[in-house]
Every structure is written in structure tokens, then in C-alpha cells.
């Protein structure tokens, strides 16, 4: 099992639009093979800073989702709202 940590910074003033787009993207990932769970967090005093934590069965399942047409479609709404590229980190139990 792995966890994927995605850090995003949203352009100021676009937080509500981002929230709707991110919810749609999360709903799409729920149907992906190997998806276990996910949560979205907002930094307390910096609403433009977001953190997504998703849990996947294995790295293969995550990579399948990362490169899927479904994620690409979902991200078409999310990416224009970001002020910089998202940062993705992969964590595993040891």
C-alpha cells in the first residue's frame, strides 16, 4: 500500500472554483483500480495552499491513474487554477 501526497497552490480568488474541480477529480479517482481512500486539506491560514492525500493498493495502480485519460480530463479543470505545478510525492510503509 502507498500514499500519494499532492501539494497544490491555487491562484488567489479561485478557491471556490478549485474546490468544485478538485471534488470532481476526486470522484473520478474513486472508480480507479486500486484506489483505497483520499482526503483533501486546506492550510489553515493560507486557503490557496491545498494538500491531497490518497491511498492506493500499489504503485502500479497509482501510475495507471496518473496516466489515465480519466485523470487527464479531470485535471483539465484543475490545472488552469494553479499558480504553480503540483508537487507529487509517493510514500510507502517500511
C-alpha atoms as a PDB file:
ATOM      1  CA  UNK A   1       0.000   0.000   0.000  1.00  0.00           C
ATOM      2  CA  UNK A   2       1.224   3.514  -0.819  1.00  0.00           C
ATOM      3  CA  UNK A   3       0.140   7.057  -0.084  1.00  0.00           C
ATOM      4  CA  UNK A   4       0.371   9.857  -2.590  1.00  0.00           C
ATOM      5  CA  UNK A   5       0.780  13.400  -1.276  1.00  0.00           C
ATOM      6  CA  UNK A   6      -0.091  16.135  -3.760  1.00  0.00           C
ATOM      7  CA  UNK A   7       0.624  19.766  -2.891  1.00  0.00           C
ATOM      8  CA  UNK A   8      -1.166  22.467  -4.863  1.00  0.00           C
ATOM      9  CA  UNK A   9      -1.175  26.251  -4.778  1.00  0.00           C
ATOM     10  CA  UNK A  10      -4.250  27.927  -6.162  1.00  0.00           C
ATOM     11  CA  UNK A  11      -4.352  31.350  -7.742  1.00  0.00           C
ATOM     12  CA  UNK A  12      -5.867  33.785  -5.226  1.00  0.00           C
ATOM     13  CA  UNK A  13      -9.603  34.269  -5.678  1.00  0.00           C
ATOM     14  CA  UNK A  14     -10.129  30.944  -7.453  1.00  0.00           C
ATOM     15  CA  UNK A  15     -10.525  28.786  -4.345  1.00  0.00           C
ATOM     16  CA  UNK A  16     -14.237  28.040  -4.840  1.00  0.00           C
ATOM     17  CA  UNK A  17     -13.748  27.131  -8.483  1.00  0.00           C
ATOM     18  CA  UNK A  18     -10.817  24.921  -7.496  1.00  0.00           C
ATOM     19  CA  UNK A  19     -12.871  23.202  -4.786  1.00  0.00           C
ATOM     20  CA  UNK A  20     -15.534  22.202  -7.322  1.00  0.00           C
ATOM     21  CA  UNK A  21     -12.947  20.967  -9.837  1.00  0.00           C
ATOM     22  CA  UNK A  22     -10.989  19.063  -7.168  1.00  0.00           C
ATOM     23  CA  UNK A  23     -14.156  17.343  -5.898  1.00  0.00           C
ATOM     24  CA  UNK A  24     -14.907  16.221  -9.438  1.00  0.00           C
ATOM     25  CA  UNK A  25     -11.359  14.882  -9.851  1.00  0.00           C
ATOM     26  CA  UNK A  26     -11.575  13.025  -6.529  1.00  0.00           C
ATOM     27  CA  UNK A  27     -14.897  11.459  -7.549  1.00  0.00           C
ATOM     28  CA  UNK A  28     -13.271  10.233 -10.760  1.00  0.00           C
ATOM     29  CA  UNK A  29     -10.343   8.687  -8.854  1.00  0.00           C
ATOM     30  CA  UNK A  30     -12.683   6.725  -6.576  1.00  0.00           C
ATOM     31  CA  UNK A  31     -13.535   4.481  -9.520  1.00  0.00           C
ATOM     32  CA  UNK A  32      -9.898   3.869 -10.426  1.00  0.00           C
ATOM     33  CA  UNK A  33      -8.461   0.381  -9.973  1.00  0.00           C
ATOM     34  CA  UNK A  34      -6.507   0.193  -6.717  1.00  0.00           C
ATOM     35  CA  UNK A  35      -7.846   3.402  -5.166  1.00  0.00           C
ATOM     36  CA  UNK A  36      -8.442   2.942  -1.427  1.00  0.00           C
ATOM     37  CA  UNK A  37      -9.117   6.362   0.106  1.00  0.00           C
ATOM     38  CA  UNK A  38      -8.500  10.061  -0.267  1.00  0.00           C
ATOM     39  CA  UNK A  39      -8.802  13.336   1.561  1.00  0.00           C
ATOM     40  CA  UNK A  40      -8.332  16.980   0.684  1.00  0.00           C
ATOM     41  CA  UNK A  41      -6.960  19.525   3.147  1.00  0.00           C
ATOM     42  CA  UNK A  42      -6.659  23.315   3.159  1.00  0.00           C
ATOM     43  CA  UNK A  43      -3.858  25.032   5.074  1.00  0.00           C
ATOM     44  CA  UNK A  44      -5.457  26.906   7.967  1.00  0.00           C
ATOM     45  CA  UNK A  45      -4.181  30.457   7.322  1.00  0.00           C
ATOM     46  CA  UNK A  46      -3.358  30.033   3.637  1.00  0.00           C
ATOM     47  CA  UNK A  47      -6.514  28.963   1.789  1.00  0.00           C
ATOM     48  CA  UNK A  48      -4.627  28.861  -1.501  1.00  0.00           C
ATOM     49  CA  UNK A  49      -2.432  26.011  -0.195  1.00  0.00           C
ATOM     50  CA  UNK A  50      -4.004  22.582  -0.636  1.00  0.00           C
ATOM     51  CA  UNK A  51      -2.886  19.084   0.170  1.00  0.00           C
ATOM     52  CA  UNK A  52      -4.382  15.887  -1.199  1.00  0.00           C
ATOM     53  CA  UNK A  53      -3.611  12.558   0.413  1.00  0.00           C
ATOM     54  CA  UNK A  54      -4.668   9.464  -1.460  1.00  0.00           C
ATOM     55  CA  UNK A  55      -4.078   5.837  -0.643  1.00  0.00           C
ATOM     56  CA  UNK A  56      -3.522   3.210  -3.345  1.00  0.00           C
ATOM     57  CA  UNK A  57      -3.131  -0.547  -3.366  1.00  0.00           C
ATOM     58  CA  UNK A  58       0.285  -0.289  -5.023  1.00  0.00           C
ATOM     59  CA  UNK A  59       2.483   1.901  -7.214  1.00  0.00           C
ATOM     60  CA  UNK A  60       1.171   0.281 -10.374  1.00  0.00           C
ATOM     61  CA  UNK A  61      -2.407   1.306  -9.557  1.00  0.00           C
ATOM     62  CA  UNK A  62      -1.307   4.895  -8.886  1.00  0.00           C
ATOM     63  CA  UNK A  63       0.667   5.086 -12.132  1.00  0.00           C
ATOM     64  CA  UNK A  64      -2.300   3.713 -14.072  1.00  0.00           C
ATOM     65  CA  UNK A  65      -4.472   6.500 -12.639  1.00  0.00           C
ATOM     66  CA  UNK A  66      -1.775   9.165 -13.063  1.00  0.00           C
ATOM     67  CA  UNK A  67      -1.501   8.394 -16.783  1.00  0.00           C
ATOM     68  CA  UNK A  68      -5.184   7.667 -17.423  1.00  0.00           C
ATOM     69  CA  UNK A  69      -7.432   9.616 -19.781  1.00  0.00           C
ATOM     70  CA  UNK A  70      -9.882   9.992 -16.878  1.00  0.00           C
ATOM     71  CA  UNK A  71      -7.337  11.863 -14.752  1.00  0.00           C
ATOM     72  CA  UNK A  72      -6.256  13.919 -17.728  1.00  0.00           C
ATOM     73  CA  UNK A  73      -9.882  15.025 -18.269  1.00  0.00           C
ATOM     74  CA  UNK A  74     -10.362  15.824 -14.578  1.00  0.00           C
ATOM     75  CA  UNK A  75      -7.122  17.788 -14.439  1.00  0.00           C
ATOM     76  CA  UNK A  76      -8.142  19.975 -17.389  1.00  0.00           C
ATOM     77  CA  UNK A  77     -10.340  21.899 -14.929  1.00  0.00           C
ATOM     78  CA  UNK A  78      -7.833  21.858 -12.056  1.00  0.00           C
ATOM     79  CA  UNK A  79      -4.529  22.797 -13.702  1.00  0.00           C
ATOM     80  CA  UNK A  80      -5.546  26.250 -15.025  1.00  0.00           C
ATOM     81  CA  UNK A  81      -6.449  27.251 -11.455  1.00  0.00           C
ATOM     82  CA  UNK A  82      -2.979  26.546 -10.049  1.00  0.00           C
ATOM     83  CA  UNK A  83      -0.311  29.202  -9.606  1.00  0.00           C
ATOM     84  CA  UNK A  84       2.477  26.611 -10.000  1.00  0.00           C
ATOM     85  CA  UNK A  85       2.915  22.973 -10.926  1.00  0.00           C
ATOM     86  CA  UNK A  86       1.538  20.491  -8.425  1.00  0.00           C
ATOM     87  CA  UNK A  87       4.100  18.548  -6.389  1.00  0.00           C
ATOM     88  CA  UNK A  88       3.551  14.820  -6.093  1.00  0.00           C
ATOM     89  CA  UNK A  89       5.316  12.652  -3.517  1.00  0.00           C
ATOM     90  CA  UNK A  90       5.000   8.918  -3.050  1.00  0.00           C
ATOM     91  CA  UNK A  91       5.217   7.360   0.410  1.00  0.00           C
ATOM     92  CA  UNK A  92       5.264   3.715   1.402  1.00  0.00           C
ATOM     93  CA  UNK A  93       5.367   1.733   4.623  1.00  0.00           C
ATOM     94  CA  UNK A  94       8.723   0.319   5.652  1.00  0.00           C
END
